[in-house]
C-alpha atoms as a PDB file:
ATOM      1  CA  UNK A   1      19.165 103.062 -45.511  1.00  0.00           C
ATOM      2  CA  UNK A   2      20.111 102.994 -49.068  1.00  0.00           C
ATOM      3  CA  UNK A   3      21.590  99.514 -48.810  1.00  0.00           C
ATOM      4  CA  UNK A   4      18.605  98.437 -46.932  1.00  0.00           C
ATOM      5  CA  UNK A   5      16.072  99.833 -49.388  1.00  0.00           C
ATOM      6  CA  UNK A   6      18.281  98.394 -52.489  1.00  0.00           C
ATOM      7  CA  UNK A   7      18.060  94.862 -50.835  1.00  0.00           C
ATOM      8  CA  UNK A   8      14.236  95.282 -50.650  1.00  0.00           C
ATOM      9  CA  UNK A   9      14.089  96.408 -54.287  1.00  0.00           C
ATOM     10  CA  UNK A  10      16.244  93.365 -55.256  1.00  0.00           C
ATOM     11  CA  UNK A  11      14.531  90.949 -53.373  1.00  0.00           C
ATOM     12  CA  UNK A  12      10.936  92.331 -53.594  1.00  0.00           C
ATOM     13  CA  UNK A  13      10.379  94.043 -56.818  1.00  0.00           C
ATOM     14  CA  UNK A  14      10.926  93.338 -60.416  1.00  0.00           C
ATOM     15  CA  UNK A  15      13.457  95.155 -62.777  1.00  0.00           C
ATOM     16  CA  UNK A  16      12.078  98.643 -63.913  1.00  0.00           C
ATOM     17  CA  UNK A  17       9.612  98.467 -66.646  1.00  0.00           C
ATOM     18  CA  UNK A  18       9.746 100.999 -69.617  1.00  0.00           C
ATOM     19  CA  UNK A  19       6.048 100.801 -70.210  1.00  0.00           C
ATOM     20  CA  UNK A  20       4.850 101.490 -66.667  1.00  0.00           C
ATOM     21  CA  UNK A  21       7.147 103.746 -64.621  1.00  0.00           C
ATOM     22  CA  UNK A  22       7.873 103.181 -61.016  1.00  0.00           C
ATOM     23  CA  UNK A  23       6.860 105.816 -58.151  1.00  0.00           C
ATOM     24  CA  UNK A  24       8.967 106.507 -55.017  1.00  0.00           C
ATOM     25  CA  UNK A  25       7.291 108.639 -52.094  1.00  0.00           C
ATOM     26  CA  UNK A  26       9.221 110.917 -49.936  1.00  0.00           C
ATOM     27  CA  UNK A  27      12.433 112.620 -51.589  1.00  0.00           C
ATOM     28  CA  UNK A  28      14.139 113.508 -48.518  1.00  0.00           C
ATOM     29  CA  UNK A  29      17.082 111.273 -49.184  1.00  0.00           C
ATOM     30  CA  UNK A  30      17.410 112.593 -52.969  1.00  0.00           C
ATOM     31  CA  UNK A  31      17.249 116.120 -51.646  1.00  0.00           C
ATOM     32  CA  UNK A  32      20.153 115.888 -49.109  1.00  0.00           C
ATOM     33  CA  UNK A  33      22.386 113.042 -50.122  1.00  0.00           C
ATOM     34  CA  UNK A  34      23.686 110.829 -53.099  1.00  0.00           C
ATOM     35  CA  UNK A  35      22.730 107.833 -50.959  1.00  0.00           C
ATOM     36  CA  UNK A  36      19.248 107.447 -52.442  1.00  0.00           C
ATOM     37  CA  UNK A  37      17.334 104.653 -54.437  1.00  0.00           C
ATOM     38  CA  UNK A  38      15.022 106.624 -56.850  1.00  0.00           C
ATOM     39  CA  UNK A  39      17.747 106.065 -59.494  1.00  0.00           C
ATOM     40  CA  UNK A  40      17.557 102.405 -59.007  1.00  0.00           C
ATOM     41  CA  UNK A  41      13.869 102.420 -60.000  1.00  0.00           C
ATOM     42  CA  UNK A  42      15.134 103.387 -63.472  1.00  0.00           C
ATOM     43  CA  UNK A  43      14.888 106.633 -65.635  1.00  0.00           C
ATOM     44  CA  UNK A  44      11.255 108.041 -66.102  1.00  0.00           C
ATOM     45  CA  UNK A  45      10.559 107.042 -62.402  1.00  0.00           C
ATOM     46  CA  UNK A  46       8.166 109.472 -60.496  1.00  0.00           C
ATOM     47  CA  UNK A  47       9.405 111.029 -57.186  1.00  0.00           C
ATOM     48  CA  UNK A  48       6.738 112.653 -54.854  1.00  0.00           C
ATOM     49  CA  UNK A  49       7.103 114.799 -51.686  1.00  0.00           C
ATOM     50  CA  UNK A  50       4.575 117.104 -50.126  1.00  0.00           C
ATOM     51  CA  UNK A  51       7.399 119.873 -49.496  1.00  0.00           C
ATOM     52  CA  UNK A  52       8.263 122.131 -52.283  1.00  0.00           C
ATOM     53  CA  UNK A  53      11.633 122.808 -50.875  1.00  0.00           C
ATOM     54  CA  UNK A  54      12.511 119.070 -50.804  1.00  0.00           C
ATOM     55  CA  UNK A  55      11.212 118.460 -54.335  1.00  0.00           C
ATOM     56  CA  UNK A  56      13.297 121.603 -55.864  1.00  0.00           C
ATOM     57  CA  UNK A  57      16.451 120.245 -53.798  1.00  0.00           C
ATOM     58  CA  UNK A  58      16.014 116.778 -55.011  1.00  0.00           C
ATOM     59  CA  UNK A  59      15.383 118.055 -58.732  1.00  0.00           C
ATOM     60  CA  UNK A  60      18.887 120.046 -58.447  1.00  0.00           C
ATOM     61  CA  UNK A  61      20.641 116.867 -57.278  1.00  0.00           C
ATOM     62  CA  UNK A  62      18.918 114.264 -59.579  1.00  0.00           C
ATOM     63  CA  UNK A  63      18.907 116.323 -63.065  1.00  0.00           C
ATOM     64  CA  UNK A  64      16.924 115.349 -65.992  1.00  0.00           C
ATOM     65  CA  UNK A  65      15.121 112.040 -66.603  1.00  0.00           C
ATOM     66  CA  UNK A  66      13.053 111.867 -63.444  1.00  0.00           C
ATOM     67  CA  UNK A  67       9.746 113.365 -62.900  1.00  0.00           C
ATOM     68  CA  UNK A  68       9.460 114.990 -59.303  1.00  0.00           C
ATOM     69  CA  UNK A  69       6.062 116.306 -58.099  1.00  0.00           C
ATOM     70  CA  UNK A  70       4.852 118.151 -55.104  1.00  0.00           C
ATOM     71  CA  UNK A  71       1.677 116.181 -53.936  1.00  0.00           C
ATOM     72  CA  UNK A  72      -0.278 115.035 -51.020  1.00  0.00           C
ATOM     73  CA  UNK A  73      -0.181 111.144 -50.625  1.00  0.00           C
ATOM     74  CA  UNK A  74      -3.963 111.402 -49.950  1.00  0.00           C
ATOM     75  CA  UNK A  75      -4.733 113.113 -53.285  1.00  0.00           C
ATOM     76  CA  UNK A  76      -2.134 111.776 -55.915  1.00  0.00           C
ATOM     77  CA  UNK A  77      -2.067 113.733 -59.222  1.00  0.00           C
ATOM     78  CA  UNK A  78      -1.640 110.584 -61.153  1.00  0.00           C
ATOM     79  CA  UNK A  79      -4.059 108.675 -63.350  1.00  0.00           C
ATOM     80  CA  UNK A  80      -5.436 105.181 -62.224  1.00  0.00           C
ATOM     81  CA  UNK A  81      -3.052 102.340 -62.902  1.00  0.00           C
ATOM     82  CA  UNK A  82      -0.400 104.801 -64.102  1.00  0.00           C
ATOM     83  CA  UNK A  83       2.678 103.258 -62.320  1.00  0.00           C
ATOM     84  CA  UNK A  84       4.067  99.582 -62.411  1.00  0.00           C
ATOM     85  CA  UNK A  85       5.735  99.512 -58.666  1.00  0.00           C
ATOM     86  CA  UNK A  86       5.807 101.860 -55.979  1.00  0.00           C
ATOM     87  CA  UNK A  87       8.299 102.315 -52.953  1.00  0.00           C
ATOM     88  CA  UNK A  88       6.623 103.868 -50.024  1.00  0.00           C
ATOM     89  CA  UNK A  89       9.620 104.293 -47.469  1.00  0.00           C
ATOM     90  CA  UNK A  90       8.383 105.358 -44.167  1.00  0.00           C
ATOM     91  CA  UNK A  91       6.396 108.271 -45.724  1.00  0.00           C
ATOM     92  CA  UNK A  92       2.939 107.458 -44.514  1.00  0.00           C
ATOM     93  CA  UNK A  93       3.778 107.635 -40.765  1.00  0.00           C
ATOM     94  CA  UNK A  94       3.735 111.373 -40.504  1.00  0.00           C
ATOM     95  CA  UNK A  95      -0.172 111.858 -40.277  1.00  0.00           C
ATOM     96  CA  UNK A  96      -1.542 112.834 -36.865  1.00  0.00           C
ATOM     97  CA  UNK A  97      -4.517 110.387 -37.476  1.00  0.00           C
ATOM     98  CA  UNK A  98      -4.248 106.622 -38.544  1.00  0.00           C
ATOM     99  CA  UNK A  99      -7.187 107.041 -40.829  1.00  0.00           C
ATOM    100  CA  UNK A 100      -5.215 109.126 -43.133  1.00  0.00           C
ATOM    101  CA  UNK A 101      -2.685 106.221 -43.566  1.00  0.00           C
ATOM    102  CA  UNK A 102      -5.700 104.235 -44.891  1.00  0.00           C
ATOM    103  CA  UNK A 103      -6.642 107.098 -47.273  1.00  0.00           C
ATOM    104  CA  UNK A 104      -3.021 107.600 -48.544  1.00  0.00           C
ATOM    105  CA  UNK A 105      -2.579 103.652 -49.035  1.00  0.00           C
ATOM    106  CA  UNK A 106      -5.930 103.669 -51.065  1.00  0.00           C
ATOM    107  CA  UNK A 107      -4.330 106.249 -53.329  1.00  0.00           C
ATOM    108  CA  UNK A 108      -1.224 104.225 -53.840  1.00  0.00           C
ATOM    109  CA  UNK A 109      -3.477 101.141 -54.800  1.00  0.00           C
ATOM    110  CA  UNK A 110      -5.352 103.336 -57.179  1.00  0.00           C
ATOM    111  CA  UNK A 111      -2.481 104.671 -59.290  1.00  0.00           C
ATOM    112  CA  UNK A 112      -0.793 101.132 -59.151  1.00  0.00           C
ATOM    113  CA  UNK A 113      -1.362  98.918 -62.183  1.00  0.00           C
ATOM    114  CA  UNK A 114      -2.985  95.554 -61.980  1.00  0.00           C
ATOM    115  CA  UNK A 115      -0.297  92.910 -61.353  1.00  0.00           C
ATOM    116  CA  UNK A 116       1.892  96.020 -59.917  1.00  0.00           C
ATOM    117  CA  UNK A 117       3.955  95.569 -56.681  1.00  0.00           C
ATOM    118  CA  UNK A 118       3.720  98.040 -53.676  1.00  0.00           C
ATOM    119  CA  UNK A 119       6.614  98.031 -51.172  1.00  0.00           C
ATOM    120  CA  UNK A 120       5.874  99.898 -47.863  1.00  0.00           C
ATOM    121  CA  UNK A 121       7.521 100.550 -44.734  1.00  0.00           C
ATOM    122  CA  UNK A 122       6.493 102.104 -41.451  1.00  0.00           C
ATOM    123  CA  UNK A 123       7.938 103.235 -37.998  1.00  0.00           C
ATOM    124  CA  UNK A 124       7.625  99.824 -35.962  1.00  0.00           C
ATOM    125  CA  UNK A 125       5.361 100.545 -32.975  1.00  0.00           C
ATOM    126  CA  UNK A 126       6.356  97.158 -31.383  1.00  0.00           C
ATOM    127  CA  UNK A 127      10.048  98.584 -31.212  1.00  0.00           C
ATOM    128  CA  UNK A 128      10.601  99.800 -27.531  1.00  0.00           C
ATOM    129  CA  UNK A 129      12.367 102.703 -28.674  1.00  0.00           C
ATOM    130  CA  UNK A 130       9.869 103.658 -31.440  1.00  0.00           C
ATOM    131  CA  UNK A 131       6.961 103.239 -28.988  1.00  0.00           C
ATOM    132  CA  UNK A 132       8.606 105.358 -26.252  1.00  0.00           C
ATOM    133  CA  UNK A 133       9.386 108.211 -28.841  1.00  0.00           C
ATOM    134  CA  UNK A 134       5.724 108.227 -29.955  1.00  0.00           C
ATOM    135  CA  UNK A 135       4.434 108.460 -26.583  1.00  0.00           C
ATOM    136  CA  UNK A 136       6.618 111.369 -25.380  1.00  0.00           C
ATOM    137  CA  UNK A 137       5.717 115.021 -26.445  1.00  0.00           C
ATOM    138  CA  UNK A 138       7.124 115.787 -29.891  1.00  0.00           C
ATOM    139  CA  UNK A 139       8.035 119.354 -28.875  1.00  0.00           C
ATOM    140  CA  UNK A 140      10.471 117.903 -26.169  1.00  0.00           C
ATOM    141  CA  UNK A 141      12.044 115.513 -28.593  1.00  0.00           C
ATOM    142  CA  UNK A 142      12.411 118.373 -31.339  1.00  0.00           C
ATOM    143  CA  UNK A 143      13.940 120.618 -29.056  1.00  0.00           C
ATOM    144  CA  UNK A 144      16.521 118.172 -27.947  1.00  0.00           C
ATOM    145  CA  UNK A 145      17.195 117.418 -31.775  1.00  0.00           C
ATOM    146  CA  UNK A 146      16.328 113.971 -31.186  1.00  0.00           C
ATOM    147  CA  UNK A 147      13.357 113.937 -34.009  1.00  0.00           C
ATOM    148  CA  UNK A 148      13.938 116.670 -36.464  1.00  0.00           C
ATOM    149  CA  UNK A 149      10.689 116.218 -38.206  1.00  0.00           C
ATOM    150  CA  UNK A 150       7.068 115.480 -36.959  1.00  0.00           C
ATOM    151  CA  UNK A 151       6.254 111.728 -36.518  1.00  0.00           C
ATOM    152  CA  UNK A 152       2.580 110.936 -36.330  1.00  0.00           C
ATOM    153  CA  UNK A 153       0.394 107.500 -36.357  1.00  0.00           C
ATOM    154  CA  UNK A 154       1.911 104.272 -37.813  1.00  0.00           C
ATOM    155  CA  UNK A 155       0.901 100.630 -38.204  1.00  0.00           C
ATOM    156  CA  UNK A 156       2.197  97.392 -37.284  1.00  0.00           C
ATOM    157  CA  UNK A 157       3.030  94.786 -40.204  1.00  0.00           C
ATOM    158  CA  UNK A 158      -0.399  93.048 -39.252  1.00  0.00           C
ATOM    159  CA  UNK A 159      -2.419  96.320 -39.245  1.00  0.00           C
ATOM    160  CA  UNK A 160      -0.716  97.289 -42.673  1.00  0.00           C
ATOM    161  CA  UNK A 161      -1.503  93.724 -44.163  1.00  0.00           C
ATOM    162  CA  UNK A 162      -4.986  94.080 -43.028  1.00  0.00           C
ATOM    163  CA  UNK A 163      -5.663  97.382 -44.621  1.00  0.00           C
ATOM    164  CA  UNK A 164      -3.965  96.199 -47.981  1.00  0.00           C
ATOM    165  CA  UNK A 165      -5.955  93.289 -48.085  1.00  0.00           C
ATOM    166  CA  UNK A 166      -9.003  95.303 -47.655  1.00  0.00           C
ATOM    167  CA  UNK A 167      -8.059  97.445 -50.424  1.00  0.00           C
ATOM    168  CA  UNK A 168      -7.908  94.608 -52.756  1.00  0.00           C
ATOM    169  CA  UNK A 169      -4.045  93.534 -52.792  1.00  0.00           C
ATOM    170  CA  UNK A 170      -2.552  90.406 -51.934  1.00  0.00           C
ATOM    171  CA  UNK A 171       0.138  90.497 -49.387  1.00  0.00           C
ATOM    172  CA  UNK A 172       3.151  88.215 -50.271  1.00  0.00           C
ATOM    173  CA  UNK A 173       5.784  89.094 -47.768  1.00  0.00           C
ATOM    174  CA  UNK A 174       6.376  90.947 -44.433  1.00  0.00           C
ATOM    175  CA  UNK A 175       9.374  91.766 -42.329  1.00  0.00           C
ATOM    176  CA  UNK A 176      11.428  94.198 -40.021  1.00  0.00           C
ATOM    177  CA  UNK A 177      14.372  96.274 -41.205  1.00  0.00           C
ATOM    178  CA  UNK A 178      16.966  98.476 -39.598  1.00  0.00           C
ATOM    179  CA  UNK A 179      17.907  96.643 -36.458  1.00  0.00           C
ATOM    180  CA  UNK A 180      21.125  98.606 -35.451  1.00  0.00           C
ATOM    181  CA  UNK A 181      20.523 101.052 -32.377  1.00  0.00           C
ATOM    182  CA  UNK A 182      19.357 104.210 -34.188  1.00  0.00           C
ATOM    183  CA  UNK A 183      21.033 107.160 -32.536  1.00  0.00           C
ATOM    184  CA  UNK A 184      24.367 105.193 -31.728  1.00  0.00           C
ATOM    185  CA  UNK A 185      24.404 104.203 -35.586  1.00  0.00           C
ATOM    186  CA  UNK A 186      23.900 107.649 -36.722  1.00  0.00           C
ATOM    187  CA  UNK A 187      26.574 109.060 -34.486  1.00  0.00           C
ATOM    188  CA  UNK A 188      29.003 106.283 -35.416  1.00  0.00           C
ATOM    189  CA  UNK A 189      28.196 107.018 -39.074  1.00  0.00           C
ATOM    190  CA  UNK A 190      28.497 110.799 -38.650  1.00  0.00           C
ATOM    191  CA  UNK A 191      31.946 110.379 -37.025  1.00  0.00           C
ATOM    192  CA  UNK A 192      33.334 107.946 -39.571  1.00  0.00           C
ATOM    193  CA  UNK A 193      32.399 110.595 -42.201  1.00  0.00           C
ATOM    194  CA  UNK A 194      33.831 113.542 -40.550  1.00  0.00           C
ATOM    195  CA  UNK A 195      37.095 111.593 -39.905  1.00  0.00           C
ATOM    196  CA  UNK A 196      37.204 110.684 -43.590  1.00  0.00           C
ATOM    197  CA  UNK A 197      38.838 107.438 -43.079  1.00  0.00           C
ATOM    198  CA  UNK A 198      37.701 104.898 -45.776  1.00  0.00           C
ATOM    199  CA  UNK A 199      38.805 101.888 -43.660  1.00  0.00           C
ATOM    200  CA  UNK A 200      36.737 103.265 -40.857  1.00  0.00           C
ATOM    201  CA  UNK A 201      33.770 103.885 -42.977  1.00  0.00           C
ATOM    202  CA  UNK A 202      34.006 100.347 -44.300  1.00  0.00           C
ATOM    203  CA  UNK A 203      34.059  98.962 -40.992  1.00  0.00           C
ATOM    204  CA  UNK A 204      30.986 101.005 -39.709  1.00  0.00           C
ATOM    205  CA  UNK A 205      29.251  99.703 -42.993  1.00  0.00           C
ATOM    206  CA  UNK A 206      30.068  96.154 -42.178  1.00  0.00           C
ATOM    207  CA  UNK A 207      29.065  96.374 -38.452  1.00  0.00           C
ATOM    208  CA  UNK A 208      25.607  98.114 -39.412  1.00  0.00           C
ATOM    209  CA  UNK A 209      25.041  95.360 -42.057  1.00  0.00           C
ATOM    210  CA  UNK A 210      25.591  92.564 -39.314  1.00  0.00           C
ATOM    211  CA  UNK A 211      22.786  93.879 -37.242  1.00  0.00           C
ATOM    212  CA  UNK A 212      20.422  93.400 -40.067  1.00  0.00           C
ATOM    213  CA  UNK A 213      20.799  89.422 -39.525  1.00  0.00           C
ATOM    214  CA  UNK A 214      18.521  90.016 -36.517  1.00  0.00           C
ATOM    215  CA  UNK A 215      15.701  90.311 -39.226  1.00  0.00           C
ATOM    216  CA  UNK A 216      15.707  86.460 -39.427  1.00  0.00           C
ATOM    217  CA  UNK A 217      14.894  85.870 -35.849  1.00  0.00           C
ATOM    218  CA  UNK A 218      11.534  85.373 -34.251  1.00  0.00           C
ATOM    219  CA  UNK A 219      12.380  88.686 -32.363  1.00  0.00           C
ATOM    220  CA  UNK A 220      12.470  90.774 -35.390  1.00  0.00           C
ATOM    221  CA  UNK A 221       9.488  92.887 -34.724  1.00  0.00           C
ATOM    222  CA  UNK A 222      10.960  93.954 -31.412  1.00  0.00           C
ATOM    223  CA  UNK A 223      14.404  94.989 -32.768  1.00  0.00           C
ATOM    224  CA  UNK A 224      13.628  96.195 -36.069  1.00  0.00           C
ATOM    225  CA  UNK A 225      12.802 100.106 -36.344  1.00  0.00           C
ATOM    226  CA  UNK A 226      10.740  99.816 -39.523  1.00  0.00           C
ATOM    227  CA  UNK A 227       8.286  97.083 -40.663  1.00  0.00           C
ATOM    228  CA  UNK A 228       8.249  96.222 -44.372  1.00  0.00           C
ATOM    229  CA  UNK A 229       5.291  94.748 -46.299  1.00  0.00           C
ATOM    230  CA  UNK A 230       5.098  93.681 -49.773  1.00  0.00           C
ATOM    231  CA  UNK A 231       1.771  93.482 -51.688  1.00  0.00           C
ATOM    232  CA  UNK A 232       0.667  92.823 -55.378  1.00  0.00           C
ATOM    233  CA  UNK A 233      -2.416  94.335 -57.063  1.00  0.00           C
ATOM    234  CA  UNK A 234      -4.609  91.588 -58.067  1.00  0.00           C
ATOM    235  CA  UNK A 235      -5.359  91.460 -61.706  1.00  0.00           C
ATOM    236  CA  UNK A 236      -9.031  91.545 -62.703  1.00  0.00           C
END
């Protein structure tokens, strides 16, 4: 996931700006792993998560140089136009009602400066596995440890693009990412890490990266686990 988001940053976002810090929503990766992209957004970047425990854990791992805040995405404690670019990686699909997604996107648009870039990803409702997961009771999936956290409403790339356009942004790119079968990929990566064989880890990395070639095919919105949208805030 870090490599996938790093590619999105490289291809879809500009270099960090000293005058306007970047914003990343959701600090789960920063809290539990060294494999995160907040550092790629540059010193002074802002990280936001609704969980005090996650923010505290991320702060211990990240150290000084980053501003990590506990906040609800529907009510951001940031001034209008305060950030130059935003990476919202699968953090807006945990609301129970789809209307909350539009409210959260509206807040992200508000704090983005004119000309700024927003890159957002959502669970892909057109992926058959994601569709099935969303229709099964969360209590069952949680009890079986298949879904460790609550997942809620989500948006297709078409819906997300429409909402962002209505909010005054210009959508400049859409796509689908993470095409490797999710559970086998997680188990395989965990096994490689547990065995501690660098060669095996590199082989797993290579194999997972090969699946991303499916993102160039017409069927990408069926195989990708996430949709990605890039939009720019139109200058007045």
